[in-house]
């Protein structure tokens, strides 16, 4: 299956964008694909071999799960490469563009949901990141 690529241009420099993307205190503010969900907790050991965990929960308490990944490569302010527990790979690139940052995420789709739904969900999360980062 082909990789999915999503992008957003963040009106913030690369240092701020990186910090807001990787800091658990910020991750919990933007990491959800719909308004009826939230990221109630996050931890992030930002190094090769380090683990990322985001607790995803329906706001009504009806369902929740831990999204877990392990970093393969961490190039501060430039790139993250990691894989989920099901071996799907993700690459996040942070490219400086004057006072803005172009964030590109390339990832292997899951097999449970249709590709378009998967792409939409990830793009919504990236759009939430953009909106949150630009507003703080």
C-alpha atoms as a PDB file:
ATOM      1  CA  UNK A   1       0.000   0.000   0.000  1.00  0.00           C
ATOM      2  CA  UNK A   2       1.270   3.487  -0.870  1.00  0.00           C
ATOM      3  CA  UNK A   3       2.370   5.895   1.830  1.00  0.00           C
ATOM      4  CA  UNK A   4       0.156   8.860   2.654  1.00  0.00           C
ATOM      5  CA  UNK A   5       1.612  12.388   2.670  1.00  0.00           C
ATOM      6  CA  UNK A   6       0.002  15.351   4.436  1.00  0.00           C
ATOM      7  CA  UNK A   7       1.332  18.880   4.912  1.00  0.00           C
ATOM      8  CA  UNK A   8       0.698  22.159   6.693  1.00  0.00           C
ATOM      9  CA  UNK A   9       2.521  25.471   6.830  1.00  0.00           C
ATOM     10  CA  UNK A  10       2.765  26.712  10.400  1.00  0.00           C
ATOM     11  CA  UNK A  11       3.090  30.468  11.035  1.00  0.00           C
ATOM     12  CA  UNK A  12       5.833  29.842  13.598  1.00  0.00           C
ATOM     13  CA  UNK A  13       9.552  29.224  13.396  1.00  0.00           C
ATOM     14  CA  UNK A  14      10.989  25.714  13.401  1.00  0.00           C
ATOM     15  CA  UNK A  15      12.052  25.799  17.081  1.00  0.00           C
ATOM     16  CA  UNK A  16       8.553  26.663  18.308  1.00  0.00           C
ATOM     17  CA  UNK A  17       6.932  24.220  15.881  1.00  0.00           C
ATOM     18  CA  UNK A  18       9.237  21.406  17.028  1.00  0.00           C
ATOM     19  CA  UNK A  19       8.632  22.167  20.702  1.00  0.00           C
ATOM     20  CA  UNK A  20       4.845  22.284  20.305  1.00  0.00           C
ATOM     21  CA  UNK A  21       4.879  19.056  18.266  1.00  0.00           C
ATOM     22  CA  UNK A  22       7.033  17.099  20.712  1.00  0.00           C
ATOM     23  CA  UNK A  23       6.218  18.441  24.192  1.00  0.00           C
ATOM     24  CA  UNK A  24       3.590  16.346  26.054  1.00  0.00           C
ATOM     25  CA  UNK A  25       2.016  19.488  27.572  1.00  0.00           C
ATOM     26  CA  UNK A  26       1.315  20.745  24.044  1.00  0.00           C
ATOM     27  CA  UNK A  27       0.536  17.368  22.424  1.00  0.00           C
ATOM     28  CA  UNK A  28      -2.520  16.999  24.651  1.00  0.00           C
ATOM     29  CA  UNK A  29      -3.876  20.313  23.323  1.00  0.00           C
ATOM     30  CA  UNK A  30      -3.999  19.405  19.623  1.00  0.00           C
ATOM     31  CA  UNK A  31      -3.713  15.621  19.151  1.00  0.00           C
ATOM     32  CA  UNK A  32      -7.269  14.530  18.260  1.00  0.00           C
ATOM     33  CA  UNK A  33      -9.127  13.944  15.008  1.00  0.00           C
ATOM     34  CA  UNK A  34     -12.592  15.117  16.051  1.00  0.00           C
ATOM     35  CA  UNK A  35     -14.068  17.457  18.683  1.00  0.00           C
ATOM     36  CA  UNK A  36     -15.646  14.543  20.585  1.00  0.00           C
ATOM     37  CA  UNK A  37     -12.196  13.038  21.280  1.00  0.00           C
ATOM     38  CA  UNK A  38      -9.208  14.289  23.231  1.00  0.00           C
ATOM     39  CA  UNK A  39      -5.662  13.316  24.093  1.00  0.00           C
ATOM     40  CA  UNK A  40      -5.905  13.027  27.879  1.00  0.00           C
ATOM     41  CA  UNK A  41      -2.212  12.257  28.461  1.00  0.00           C
ATOM     42  CA  UNK A  42       1.056  12.016  26.546  1.00  0.00           C
ATOM     43  CA  UNK A  43       4.648  11.042  27.230  1.00  0.00           C
ATOM     44  CA  UNK A  44       7.575  11.442  24.871  1.00  0.00           C
ATOM     45  CA  UNK A  45      11.114  10.102  25.287  1.00  0.00           C
ATOM     46  CA  UNK A  46      12.562  12.057  22.380  1.00  0.00           C
ATOM     47  CA  UNK A  47      15.569   9.942  21.318  1.00  0.00           C
ATOM     48  CA  UNK A  48      16.287   6.993  19.051  1.00  0.00           C
ATOM     49  CA  UNK A  49      14.813   3.976  20.838  1.00  0.00           C
ATOM     50  CA  UNK A  50      12.634   6.261  22.993  1.00  0.00           C
ATOM     51  CA  UNK A  51       8.905   5.688  23.324  1.00  0.00           C
ATOM     52  CA  UNK A  52       6.010   7.995  22.510  1.00  0.00           C
ATOM     53  CA  UNK A  53       2.612   7.328  24.101  1.00  0.00           C
ATOM     54  CA  UNK A  54      -0.583   9.325  23.587  1.00  0.00           C
ATOM     55  CA  UNK A  55      -3.765   8.383  25.431  1.00  0.00           C
ATOM     56  CA  UNK A  56      -6.667   8.897  23.033  1.00  0.00           C
ATOM     57  CA  UNK A  57     -10.163   8.940  24.554  1.00  0.00           C
ATOM     58  CA  UNK A  58     -13.727   9.743  23.588  1.00  0.00           C
ATOM     59  CA  UNK A  59     -14.803  12.706  25.722  1.00  0.00           C
ATOM     60  CA  UNK A  60     -17.897  10.781  26.851  1.00  0.00           C
ATOM     61  CA  UNK A  61     -15.641   8.031  28.253  1.00  0.00           C
ATOM     62  CA  UNK A  62     -17.085   5.352  25.946  1.00  0.00           C
ATOM     63  CA  UNK A  63     -13.750   4.312  24.425  1.00  0.00           C
ATOM     64  CA  UNK A  64     -10.020   4.955  24.689  1.00  0.00           C
ATOM     65  CA  UNK A  65      -6.672   3.534  23.650  1.00  0.00           C
ATOM     66  CA  UNK A  66      -2.952   4.197  23.921  1.00  0.00           C
ATOM     67  CA  UNK A  67      -1.209   5.117  20.683  1.00  0.00           C
ATOM     68  CA  UNK A  68       2.380   3.913  21.075  1.00  0.00           C
ATOM     69  CA  UNK A  69       5.438   4.392  18.904  1.00  0.00           C
ATOM     70  CA  UNK A  70       9.217   4.001  19.123  1.00  0.00           C
ATOM     71  CA  UNK A  71      11.618   6.513  17.579  1.00  0.00           C
ATOM     72  CA  UNK A  72      14.055   5.266  14.951  1.00  0.00           C
ATOM     73  CA  UNK A  73      15.621   8.671  14.299  1.00  0.00           C
ATOM     74  CA  UNK A  74      15.429  12.071  15.976  1.00  0.00           C
ATOM     75  CA  UNK A  75      17.099  15.046  14.288  1.00  0.00           C
ATOM     76  CA  UNK A  76      16.131  18.004  16.511  1.00  0.00           C
ATOM     77  CA  UNK A  77      14.157  20.722  14.720  1.00  0.00           C
ATOM     78  CA  UNK A  78      14.369  18.779  11.438  1.00  0.00           C
ATOM     79  CA  UNK A  79      12.978  15.249  11.413  1.00  0.00           C
ATOM     80  CA  UNK A  80      11.308  12.483  13.404  1.00  0.00           C
ATOM     81  CA  UNK A  81      11.162   8.894  12.166  1.00  0.00           C
ATOM     82  CA  UNK A  82       9.225   6.348  14.209  1.00  0.00           C
ATOM     83  CA  UNK A  83       7.151   3.208  13.983  1.00  0.00           C
ATOM     84  CA  UNK A  84       3.968   2.137  15.720  1.00  0.00           C
ATOM     85  CA  UNK A  85       3.602  -1.161  17.546  1.00  0.00           C
ATOM     86  CA  UNK A  86       2.058  -2.641  14.364  1.00  0.00           C
ATOM     87  CA  UNK A  87       5.267  -1.693  12.449  1.00  0.00           C
ATOM     88  CA  UNK A  88       3.714   1.130  10.408  1.00  0.00           C
ATOM     89  CA  UNK A  89       6.342   3.813   9.776  1.00  0.00           C
ATOM     90  CA  UNK A  90       5.976   7.580  10.082  1.00  0.00           C
ATOM     91  CA  UNK A  91       8.322  10.405   9.092  1.00  0.00           C
ATOM     92  CA  UNK A  92       7.740  14.019  10.170  1.00  0.00           C
ATOM     93  CA  UNK A  93       9.821  16.718   8.452  1.00  0.00           C
ATOM     94  CA  UNK A  94      10.132  20.302   9.722  1.00  0.00           C
ATOM     95  CA  UNK A  95      11.353  22.604   6.943  1.00  0.00           C
ATOM     96  CA  UNK A  96      12.135  26.249   7.719  1.00  0.00           C
ATOM     97  CA  UNK A  97      10.625  28.842   5.388  1.00  0.00           C
ATOM     98  CA  UNK A  98      11.549  32.307   6.716  1.00  0.00           C
ATOM     99  CA  UNK A  99       9.375  32.718   9.867  1.00  0.00           C
ATOM    100  CA  UNK A 100       7.219  29.714   8.979  1.00  0.00           C
ATOM    101  CA  UNK A 101       7.640  25.962   9.167  1.00  0.00           C
ATOM    102  CA  UNK A 102       6.445  23.507   6.558  1.00  0.00           C
ATOM    103  CA  UNK A 103       5.515  20.272   8.314  1.00  0.00           C
ATOM    104  CA  UNK A 104       5.230  17.194   6.112  1.00  0.00           C
ATOM    105  CA  UNK A 105       4.121  13.849   7.508  1.00  0.00           C
ATOM    106  CA  UNK A 106       4.627  10.691   5.457  1.00  0.00           C
ATOM    107  CA  UNK A 107       3.091   7.531   6.893  1.00  0.00           C
ATOM    108  CA  UNK A 108       1.976   3.995   6.204  1.00  0.00           C
ATOM    109  CA  UNK A 109      -1.816   3.738   6.324  1.00  0.00           C
ATOM    110  CA  UNK A 110      -3.532   1.304   8.628  1.00  0.00           C
ATOM    111  CA  UNK A 111      -5.554  -1.536   7.121  1.00  0.00           C
ATOM    112  CA  UNK A 112      -8.677  -1.192   9.296  1.00  0.00           C
ATOM    113  CA  UNK A 113     -10.120   2.048   7.895  1.00  0.00           C
ATOM    114  CA  UNK A 114     -10.305   3.297   4.291  1.00  0.00           C
ATOM    115  CA  UNK A 115      -7.253   5.263   3.107  1.00  0.00           C
ATOM    116  CA  UNK A 116      -9.277   8.473   2.597  1.00  0.00           C
ATOM    117  CA  UNK A 117     -10.623   8.328   6.150  1.00  0.00           C
ATOM    118  CA  UNK A 118      -7.126   7.705   7.490  1.00  0.00           C
ATOM    119  CA  UNK A 119      -5.715  10.638   5.476  1.00  0.00           C
ATOM    120  CA  UNK A 120      -8.546  12.928   6.651  1.00  0.00           C
ATOM    121  CA  UNK A 121      -8.005  12.004  10.300  1.00  0.00           C
ATOM    122  CA  UNK A 122      -4.272  12.695  10.160  1.00  0.00           C
ATOM    123  CA  UNK A 123      -4.797  15.946   8.247  1.00  0.00           C
ATOM    124  CA  UNK A 124      -7.347  17.072  10.850  1.00  0.00           C
ATOM    125  CA  UNK A 125      -4.824  16.394  13.629  1.00  0.00           C
ATOM    126  CA  UNK A 126      -2.120  18.313  11.737  1.00  0.00           C
ATOM    127  CA  UNK A 127      -4.574  21.185  11.183  1.00  0.00           C
ATOM    128  CA  UNK A 128      -5.305  21.175  14.945  1.00  0.00           C
ATOM    129  CA  UNK A 129      -1.542  21.376  15.558  1.00  0.00           C
ATOM    130  CA  UNK A 130      -1.283  24.340  13.175  1.00  0.00           C
ATOM    131  CA  UNK A 131      -4.225  26.172  14.766  1.00  0.00           C
ATOM    132  CA  UNK A 132      -2.989  25.561  18.326  1.00  0.00           C
ATOM    133  CA  UNK A 133       0.649  26.478  17.605  1.00  0.00           C
ATOM    134  CA  UNK A 134      -0.318  29.689  15.819  1.00  0.00           C
ATOM    135  CA  UNK A 135      -2.689  30.747  18.635  1.00  0.00           C
ATOM    136  CA  UNK A 136      -0.312  30.396  21.605  1.00  0.00           C
END
